[in-house]
C-alpha atoms as a PDB file:
ATOM      1  CA  MET A   1     122.971  22.717  66.418  1.00  0.00           C
ATOM      2  CA  THR A   2     125.532  22.821  63.611  1.00  0.00           C
ATOM      3  CA  ALA A   3     128.921  24.381  63.983  1.00  0.00           C
ATOM      4  CA  ARG A   4     127.870  27.079  61.518  1.00  0.00           C
ATOM      5  CA  GLY A   5     124.894  28.002  63.649  1.00  0.00           C
ATOM      6  CA  ALA A   6     126.980  28.005  66.772  1.00  0.00           C
ATOM      7  CA  ALA A   7     129.551  30.201  65.132  1.00  0.00           C
ATOM      8  CA  GLY A   8     126.876  32.643  63.903  1.00  0.00           C
ATOM      9  CA  ARG A   9     125.514  33.375  67.372  1.00  0.00           C
ATOM     10  CA  CYS A  10     126.909  36.547  69.060  1.00  0.00           C
ATOM     11  CA  PRO A  11     127.972  36.534  72.705  1.00  0.00           C
ATOM     12  CA  PRO A  12     125.478  38.231  75.034  1.00  0.00           C
ATOM     13  CA  THR A  13     127.908  41.006  75.977  1.00  0.00           C
ATOM     14  CA  THR A  14     128.248  42.050  72.345  1.00  0.00           C
ATOM     15  CA  TRP A  15     124.717  43.463  72.137  1.00  0.00           C
ATOM     16  CA  LEU A  16     124.191  44.110  75.872  1.00  0.00           C
ATOM     17  CA  MET A  17     126.796  46.889  76.237  1.00  0.00           C
ATOM     18  CA  PRO A  18     125.438  49.123  73.428  1.00  0.00           C
ATOM     19  CA  LEU A  19     121.955  48.653  74.827  1.00  0.00           C
ATOM     20  CA  LEU A  20     123.022  49.778  78.303  1.00  0.00           C
ATOM     21  CA  LEU A  21     124.842  52.774  76.826  1.00  0.00           C
ATOM     22  CA  LEU A  22     121.744  53.786  74.893  1.00  0.00           C
ATOM     23  CA  VAL A  23     119.565  53.474  77.981  1.00  0.00           C
ATOM     24  CA  SER A  24     121.979  55.572  80.067  1.00  0.00           C
ATOM     25  CA  LEU A  25     122.121  58.286  77.394  1.00  0.00           C
ATOM     26  CA  LEU A  26     118.350  58.448  77.195  1.00  0.00           C
ATOM     27  CA  ALA A  27     118.067  58.559  80.975  1.00  0.00           C
ATOM     28  CA  SER A  28     120.668  61.310  81.303  1.00  0.00           C
ATOM     29  CA  ARG A  29     118.989  63.329  78.564  1.00  0.00           C
ATOM     30  CA  SER A  30     115.589  63.018  80.175  1.00  0.00           C
ATOM     31  CA  THR A  31     117.101  63.911  83.560  1.00  0.00           C
ATOM     32  CA  THR A  32     118.814  66.971  82.068  1.00  0.00           C
ATOM     33  CA  GLU A  33     115.599  68.138  80.442  1.00  0.00           C
ATOM     34  CA  GLU A  34     113.751  67.543  83.673  1.00  0.00           C
ATOM     35  CA  VAL A  35     116.315  69.524  85.698  1.00  0.00           C
ATOM     36  CA  SER A  36     116.320  72.352  83.160  1.00  0.00           C
ATOM     37  CA  GLU A  37     112.552  72.685  83.281  1.00  0.00           C
ATOM     38  CA  HIS A  38     112.640  72.324  87.043  1.00  0.00           C
ATOM     39  CA  CYS A  39     115.161  75.165  87.499  1.00  0.00           C
ATOM     40  CA  SER A  40     113.464  77.489  85.031  1.00  0.00           C
ATOM     41  CA  HIS A  41     110.125  77.407  86.830  1.00  0.00           C
ATOM     42  CA  MET A  42     111.198  76.686  90.381  1.00  0.00           C
ATOM     43  CA  ILE A  43     110.804  80.246  91.709  1.00  0.00           C
ATOM     44  CA  GLY A  44     107.258  81.407  91.129  1.00  0.00           C
ATOM     45  CA  ASN A  45     105.462  84.687  91.643  1.00  0.00           C
ATOM     46  CA  GLY A  46     103.861  83.181  94.739  1.00  0.00           C
ATOM     47  CA  HIS A  47     107.250  83.010  96.473  1.00  0.00           C
ATOM     48  CA  LEU A  48     107.860  86.675  95.731  1.00  0.00           C
ATOM     49  CA  GLN A  49     104.404  87.526  97.051  1.00  0.00           C
ATOM     50  CA  PHE A  50     105.193  85.650 100.263  1.00  0.00           C
ATOM     51  CA  LEU A  51     108.336  87.721 100.629  1.00  0.00           C
ATOM     52  CA  GLN A  52     106.437  90.948 100.001  1.00  0.00           C
ATOM     53  CA  GLN A  53     103.890  90.004 102.677  1.00  0.00           C
ATOM     54  CA  LEU A  54     106.778  89.328 105.023  1.00  0.00           C
ATOM     55  CA  ILE A  55     108.189  92.775 104.268  1.00  0.00           C
ATOM     56  CA  ASP A  56     104.823  94.510 104.699  1.00  0.00           C
ATOM     57  CA  SER A  57     104.277  92.895 108.097  1.00  0.00           C
ATOM     58  CA  GLN A  58     107.541  94.240 109.536  1.00  0.00           C
ATOM     59  CA  MET A  59     107.553  97.050 112.061  1.00  0.00           C
ATOM     60  CA  GLU A  60     109.516 100.114 111.003  1.00  0.00           C
ATOM     61  CA  THR A  61     112.435 100.540 113.355  1.00  0.00           C
ATOM     62  CA  SER A  62     115.877 102.106 113.384  1.00  0.00           C
ATOM     63  CA  CYS A  63     117.372  99.104 115.198  1.00  0.00           C
ATOM     64  CA  GLN A  64     119.962  97.325 113.070  1.00  0.00           C
ATOM     65  CA  ILE A  65     121.111  93.724 112.950  1.00  0.00           C
ATOM     66  CA  ALA A  66     124.470  92.386 111.816  1.00  0.00           C
ATOM     67  CA  PHE A  67     124.712  89.766 109.076  1.00  0.00           C
ATOM     68  CA  GLU A  68     127.253  88.632 106.503  1.00  0.00           C
ATOM     69  CA  PHE A  69     126.426  89.198 102.852  1.00  0.00           C
ATOM     70  CA  VAL A  70     128.068  89.745  99.486  1.00  0.00           C
ATOM     71  CA  ASP A  71     129.847  93.020  98.899  1.00  0.00           C
ATOM     72  CA  GLN A  72     128.523  94.000  95.479  1.00  0.00           C
ATOM     73  CA  GLU A  73     131.191  96.685  95.133  1.00  0.00           C
ATOM     74  CA  LEU A  74     133.841  93.954  95.088  1.00  0.00           C
ATOM     75  CA  LEU A  75     131.901  91.325  93.139  1.00  0.00           C
ATOM     76  CA  LYS A  76     130.615  92.977  89.964  1.00  0.00           C
ATOM     77  CA  ASP A  77     129.650  89.813  88.054  1.00  0.00           C
ATOM     78  CA  PRO A  78     125.850  89.397  88.506  1.00  0.00           C
ATOM     79  CA  VAL A  79     125.912  85.605  88.143  1.00  0.00           C
ATOM     80  CA  CYS A  80     128.737  85.130  90.645  1.00  0.00           C
ATOM     81  CA  TYR A  81     127.082  87.642  92.954  1.00  0.00           C
ATOM     82  CA  LEU A  82     123.885  85.592  93.017  1.00  0.00           C
ATOM     83  CA  LYS A  83     125.808  82.331  93.468  1.00  0.00           C
ATOM     84  CA  LYS A  84     127.519  83.740  96.534  1.00  0.00           C
ATOM     85  CA  ALA A  85     124.346  85.429  97.794  1.00  0.00           C
ATOM     86  CA  PHE A  86     122.369  82.195  97.468  1.00  0.00           C
ATOM     87  CA  VAL A  87     124.698  80.377  99.860  1.00  0.00           C
ATOM     88  CA  LEU A  88     124.743  83.220 102.392  1.00  0.00           C
ATOM     89  CA  MET A  89     120.982  83.642 102.138  1.00  0.00           C
ATOM     90  CA  GLN A  90     120.453  80.114 103.431  1.00  0.00           C
ATOM     91  CA  ASP A  91     122.538  80.894 106.528  1.00  0.00           C
ATOM     92  CA  ILE A  92     120.603  84.115 107.095  1.00  0.00           C
ATOM     93  CA  MET A  93     117.237  82.360 106.945  1.00  0.00           C
ATOM     94  CA  GLU A  94     118.519  79.701 109.320  1.00  0.00           C
ATOM     95  CA  ASP A  95     120.242  81.919 111.905  1.00  0.00           C
ATOM     96  CA  THR A  96     118.992  85.510 111.568  1.00  0.00           C
ATOM     97  CA  MET A  97     115.428  85.540 110.229  1.00  0.00           C
ATOM     98  CA  ARG A  98     113.688  83.935 113.189  1.00  0.00           C
ATOM     99  CA  PHE A  99     109.985  84.215 113.997  1.00  0.00           C
ATOM    100  CA  LYS A 100     107.713  82.598 116.535  1.00  0.00           C
ATOM    101  CA  ASP A 101     106.834  79.036 115.598  1.00  0.00           C
ATOM    102  CA  ASN A 102     103.581  78.334 113.733  1.00  0.00           C
ATOM    103  CA  THR A 103     103.035  81.992 112.841  1.00  0.00           C
ATOM    104  CA  PRO A 104     102.426  83.156 109.232  1.00  0.00           C
ATOM    105  CA  ASN A 105     105.890  84.698 109.038  1.00  0.00           C
ATOM    106  CA  ALA A 106     107.530  81.558 110.384  1.00  0.00           C
ATOM    107  CA  ASN A 107     105.661  79.462 107.818  1.00  0.00           C
ATOM    108  CA  VAL A 108     106.906  81.733 105.026  1.00  0.00           C
ATOM    109  CA  ILE A 109     110.497  81.228 106.168  1.00  0.00           C
ATOM    110  CA  VAL A 110     110.000  77.463 106.158  1.00  0.00           C
ATOM    111  CA  LYS A 111     108.682  77.575 102.578  1.00  0.00           C
ATOM    112  CA  LEU A 112     111.626  79.702 101.481  1.00  0.00           C
ATOM    113  CA  GLN A 113     114.075  77.305 103.117  1.00  0.00           C
ATOM    114  CA  GLU A 114     112.452  74.382 101.294  1.00  0.00           C
ATOM    115  CA  LEU A 115     112.723  76.336  98.050  1.00  0.00           C
ATOM    116  CA  SER A 116     116.415  76.995  98.692  1.00  0.00           C
ATOM    117  CA  LEU A 117     117.062  73.296  99.187  1.00  0.00           C
ATOM    118  CA  ARG A 118     115.429  72.516  95.846  1.00  0.00           C
ATOM    119  CA  LEU A 119     117.402  75.292  94.153  1.00  0.00           C
ATOM    120  CA  LYS A 120     120.701  73.709  95.163  1.00  0.00           C
ATOM    121  CA  SER A 121     120.529  71.433  92.134  1.00  0.00           C
ATOM    122  CA  CYS A 122     120.647  74.515  89.877  1.00  0.00           C
ATOM    123  CA  PHE A 123     123.907  75.848  91.350  1.00  0.00           C
ATOM    124  CA  THR A 124     127.356  74.361  90.964  1.00  0.00           C
ATOM    125  CA  LYS A 125     129.635  74.519  93.987  1.00  0.00           C
ATOM    126  CA  ASP A 126     132.835  76.505  93.696  1.00  0.00           C
ATOM    127  CA  TYR A 127     136.115  76.101  95.525  1.00  0.00           C
ATOM    128  CA  GLU A 128     135.424  75.901  99.259  1.00  0.00           C
ATOM    129  CA  GLU A 129     138.397  78.049 100.249  1.00  0.00           C
ATOM    130  CA  GLN A 130     136.657  80.995  98.578  1.00  0.00           C
ATOM    131  CA  ASP A 131     133.686  80.803 100.948  1.00  0.00           C
ATOM    132  CA  LYS A 132     134.574  84.058 102.724  1.00  0.00           C
ATOM    133  CA  ALA A 133     135.666  85.904  99.587  1.00  0.00           C
ATOM    134  CA  CYS A 134     133.675  89.022  98.648  1.00  0.00           C
ATOM    135  CA  VAL A 135     131.805  88.868 101.953  1.00  0.00           C
ATOM    136  CA  ARG A 136     131.549  91.587 104.590  1.00  0.00           C
ATOM    137  CA  THR A 137     129.391  92.340 107.622  1.00  0.00           C
ATOM    138  CA  PHE A 138     126.360  94.534 107.004  1.00  0.00           C
ATOM    139  CA  TYR A 139     124.461  96.511 109.647  1.00  0.00           C
ATOM    140  CA  GLU A 140     120.924  97.097 108.419  1.00  0.00           C
ATOM    141  CA  THR A 141     117.346  97.076 109.640  1.00  0.00           C
ATOM    142  CA  PRO A 142     115.242  93.887 109.319  1.00  0.00           C
ATOM    143  CA  LEU A 143     113.248  95.604 106.574  1.00  0.00           C
ATOM    144  CA  GLN A 144     116.389  96.274 104.533  1.00  0.00           C
ATOM    145  CA  LEU A 145     117.529  92.694 105.015  1.00  0.00           C
ATOM    146  CA  LEU A 146     114.227  91.308 103.719  1.00  0.00           C
ATOM    147  CA  GLU A 147     114.371  93.624 100.720  1.00  0.00           C
ATOM    148  CA  LYS A 148     117.827  92.265  99.960  1.00  0.00           C
ATOM    149  CA  ILE A 149     116.585  88.671 100.194  1.00  0.00           C
ATOM    150  CA  LYS A 150     113.652  89.420  97.900  1.00  0.00           C
ATOM    151  CA  ASN A 151     115.954  90.989  95.304  1.00  0.00           C
ATOM    152  CA  VAL A 152     118.139  87.867  95.310  1.00  0.00           C
ATOM    153  CA  PHE A 153     115.151  85.596  94.683  1.00  0.00           C
ATOM    154  CA  ASN A 154     113.767  87.907  91.996  1.00  0.00           C
ATOM    155  CA  GLU A 155     117.062  88.230  90.089  1.00  0.00           C
ATOM    156  CA  THR A 156     117.690  84.474  90.376  1.00  0.00           C
ATOM    157  CA  LYS A 157     114.217  83.802  88.961  1.00  0.00           C
ATOM    158  CA  ASN A 158     114.818  86.099  85.972  1.00  0.00           C
ATOM    159  CA  LEU A 159     118.205  84.590  85.114  1.00  0.00           C
ATOM    160  CA  LEU A 160     116.973  81.009  85.403  1.00  0.00           C
ATOM    161  CA  LYS A 161     114.139  81.768  83.010  1.00  0.00           C
ATOM    162  CA  LYS A 162     116.643  83.002  80.428  1.00  0.00           C
ATOM    163  CA  ASP A 163     119.117  80.140  80.929  1.00  0.00           C
ATOM    164  CA  TRP A 164     118.503  77.282  83.343  1.00  0.00           C
ATOM    165  CA  ASN A 165     122.212  76.364  83.297  1.00  0.00           C
ATOM    166  CA  ILE A 166     123.528  79.856  83.959  1.00  0.00           C
ATOM    167  CA  PHE A 167     124.595  79.128  87.526  1.00  0.00           C
ATOM    168  CA  SER A 168     126.952  76.379  86.432  1.00  0.00           C
ATOM    169  CA  LYS A 169     129.440  79.148  85.686  1.00  0.00           C
ATOM    170  CA  ASN A 170     132.810  78.771  87.402  1.00  0.00           C
ATOM    171  CA  CYS A 171     133.307  81.809  89.632  1.00  0.00           C
ATOM    172  CA  ASN A 172     136.595  80.827  91.263  1.00  0.00           C
ATOM    173  CA  ASN A 173     138.529  83.486  89.344  1.00  0.00           C
ATOM    174  CA  SER A 174     136.045  86.194  90.304  1.00  0.00           C
ATOM    175  CA  PHE A 175     136.151  85.130  93.945  1.00  0.00           C
ATOM    176  CA  ALA A 176     139.959  85.031  93.945  1.00  0.00           C
ATOM    177  CA  LYS A 177     140.145  88.498  92.417  1.00  0.00           C
ATOM    178  CA  CYS A 178     137.607  89.744  94.923  1.00  0.00           C
ATOM    179  CA  SER A 179     139.543  88.277  97.822  1.00  0.00           C
ATOM    180  CA  SER A 180     142.790  89.911  96.632  1.00  0.00           C
ATOM    181  CA  GLN A 181     141.023  93.283  96.479  1.00  0.00           C
ATOM    182  CA  GLY A 182     139.719  92.753  99.990  1.00  0.00           C
ATOM    183  CA  HIS A 183     143.240  91.891 101.170  1.00  0.00           C
ATOM    184  CA  GLU A 184     144.579  95.119  99.663  1.00  0.00           C
ATOM    185  CA  LYS A 185     141.868  97.081 101.433  1.00  0.00           C
ATOM    186  CA  GLN A 186     142.793  95.439 104.731  1.00  0.00           C
ATOM    187  CA  GLN A 187     146.431  96.423 104.199  1.00  0.00           C
ATOM    188  CA  GLU A 188     145.485  99.989 103.329  1.00  0.00           C
ATOM    189  CA  GLY A 189     142.905 100.221 106.089  1.00  0.00           C
ATOM    190  CA  PRO A 190     145.172 100.742 109.124  1.00  0.00           C
ATOM    191  CA  SER A 191     147.009 103.640 107.409  1.00  0.00           C
ATOM    192  CA  GLY A 192     143.966 105.870 107.906  1.00  0.00           C
ATOM    193  CA  PRO A 193     143.634 105.635 111.687  1.00  0.00           C
ATOM    194  CA  GLN A 194     147.405 105.993 112.216  1.00  0.00           C
ATOM    195  CA  LEU A 195     147.290 109.747 111.662  1.00  0.00           C
ATOM    196  CA  PRO A 196     144.644 110.415 114.343  1.00  0.00           C
ATOM    197  CA  ARG A 197     146.499 108.169 116.775  1.00  0.00           C
ATOM    198  CA  PHE A 198     149.734 110.063 116.149  1.00  0.00           C
ATOM    199  CA  ALA A 199     147.970 113.388 116.553  1.00  0.00           C
ATOM    200  CA  PHE A 200     146.277 112.105 119.700  1.00  0.00           C
ATOM    201  CA  ARG A 201     149.617 111.150 121.205  1.00  0.00           C
ATOM    202  CA  LEU A 202     150.913 114.647 120.545  1.00  0.00           C
ATOM    203  CA  LEU A 203     147.725 116.342 121.693  1.00  0.00           C
ATOM    204  CA  VAL A 204     147.500 114.701 125.129  1.00  0.00           C
ATOM    205  CA  PRO A 205     150.885 115.942 126.458  1.00  0.00           C
ATOM    206  CA  SER A 206     150.154 119.409 125.033  1.00  0.00           C
ATOM    207  CA  VAL A 207     146.810 119.587 126.830  1.00  0.00           C
ATOM    208  CA  ILE A 208     148.435 118.415 130.072  1.00  0.00           C
ATOM    209  CA  LEU A 209     151.135 121.096 129.801  1.00  0.00           C
ATOM    210  CA  VAL A 210     148.528 123.791 129.141  1.00  0.00           C
ATOM    211  CA  LEU A 211     146.472 122.669 132.126  1.00  0.00           C
ATOM    212  CA  LEU A 212     149.544 122.669 134.357  1.00  0.00           C
ATOM    213  CA  ALA A 213     150.502 126.156 133.177  1.00  0.00           C
ATOM    214  CA  VAL A 214     146.981 127.510 133.765  1.00  0.00           C
ATOM    215  CA  GLY A 215     146.837 125.862 137.189  1.00  0.00           C
ATOM    216  CA  GLY A 216     150.227 127.332 138.136  1.00  0.00           C
ATOM    217  CA  LEU A 217     149.167 130.790 137.016  1.00  0.00           C
ATOM    218  CA  LEU A 218     145.930 130.610 139.008  1.00  0.00           C
ATOM    219  CA  LEU A 219     147.845 129.432 142.083  1.00  0.00           C
ATOM    220  CA  TYR A 220     150.365 132.269 141.724  1.00  0.00           C
ATOM    221  CA  ARG A 221     147.645 134.909 141.452  1.00  0.00           C
ATOM    222  CA  ARG A 222     145.841 133.484 144.473  1.00  0.00           C
ATOM    223  CA  ARG A 223     148.967 133.564 146.602  1.00  0.00           C
ATOM    224  CA  ARG A 224     149.767 137.088 145.466  1.00  0.00           C
ATOM    225  CA  ARG A 225     146.241 138.263 146.303  1.00  0.00           C
ATOM    226  CA  SER A 226     146.377 136.642 149.744  1.00  0.00           C
ATOM    227  CA  HIS A 227     149.759 138.329 150.375  1.00  0.00           C
ATOM    228  CA  ARG A 228     148.382 141.775 149.508  1.00  0.00           C
ATOM    229  CA  GLU A 229     145.265 141.586 151.696  1.00  0.00           C
ATOM    230  CA  PRO A 230     147.128 141.774 155.110  1.00  0.00           C
ATOM    231  CA  GLN A 231     149.134 144.800 153.905  1.00  0.00           C
ATOM    232  CA  ALA A 232     145.954 146.598 152.856  1.00  0.00           C
ATOM    233  CA  ALA A 233     144.406 145.933 156.283  1.00  0.00           C
ATOM    234  CA  ASP A 234     147.410 147.429 158.186  1.00  0.00           C
ATOM    235  CA  SER A 235     147.749 150.655 156.097  1.00  0.00           C
ATOM    236  CA  PRO A 236     145.394 153.655 156.834  1.00  0.00           C
ATOM    237  CA  VAL A 237     142.578 154.264 154.503  1.00  0.00           C
ATOM    238  CA  GLU A 238     143.429 157.066 152.142  1.00  0.00           C
ATOM    239  CA  GLN A 239     140.573 159.195 150.964  1.00  0.00           C
ATOM    240  CA  PRO A 240     140.695 160.164 147.359  1.00  0.00           C
ATOM    241  CA  GLU A 241     141.006 163.780 146.398  1.00  0.00           C
ATOM    242  CA  GLY A 242     137.793 165.529 145.474  1.00  0.00           C
ATOM    243  CA  SER A 243     135.665 163.305 147.698  1.00  0.00           C
ATOM    244  CA  PRO A 244     132.683 164.877 149.514  1.00  0.00           C
ATOM    245  CA  LEU A 245     134.470 164.471 152.867  1.00  0.00           C
ATOM    246  CA  THR A 246     137.527 166.529 151.897  1.00  0.00           C
ATOM    247  CA  GLN A 247     135.384 169.170 150.305  1.00  0.00           C
ATOM    248  CA  ASP A 248     133.414 169.642 153.568  1.00  0.00           C
ATOM    249  CA  GLU A 249     136.648 169.948 155.536  1.00  0.00           C
ATOM    250  CA  GLU A 250     137.895 172.658 153.181  1.00  0.00           C
ATOM    251  CA  ARG A 251     134.626 174.571 153.540  1.00  0.00           C
ATOM    252  CA  GLN A 252     134.858 174.424 157.329  1.00  0.00           C
ATOM    253  CA  VAL A 253     138.341 175.904 157.210  1.00  0.00           C
ATOM    254  CA  GLU A 254     137.311 178.761 154.955  1.00  0.00           C
ATOM    255  CA  LEU A 255     134.368 179.845 157.194  1.00  0.00           C
ATOM    256  CA  PRO A 256     135.107 182.959 159.302  1.00  0.00           C
ATOM    257  CA  VAL A 257     135.261 182.636 163.106  1.00  0.00           C
END
């Protein structure tokens, strides 16, 4: 090979790097398109029908269960609300919504848990220290809890259809604002019960004093009554004027001998 030919040949790395870059860009683009289509159609009407069947099979009861969920009054942003609700919903299905194994309801819960695992790829994770922000304990019936879960799935489905990337929104600011509002409520909270406690502390001694006064008065009247009864027994019985007995005596005196 001549020197000119040797000089005209390019090193392998010269054309290999652009080729690898092109392949990676194509792969990432295809993956993005695949994820977008996956998220947009992940929640189907069949999942919502499963949830409705689960709701219809519940017994109506006034018994309530405690669970942690998003406080929508604190977290107004619908996207951030669903991001927070999605995480809490997985814990609820794992710990609270329990049914007997191999029953239709238990199988529905398993399918919903599998769906939640697949949906994780459509949600970005926010700052972990905000996990408890905008969250409070709810006390509701199982029927109300299932209705809440169904609404989360339904709203998530509608938003993903409009924009598959909508849940990549950064909600740290919303969670921080929500947590500061919750902290203010906690600081203001104890001021309410302080007034009843103060009134209770004043009321108890007053009630005790009244009871002591009433008891002393009753004891005094009892002693006075017991002191009068012996005197009444020792004194002769006086007959009131105008009684039938005195009138008869007067008539006997007036009769001639």
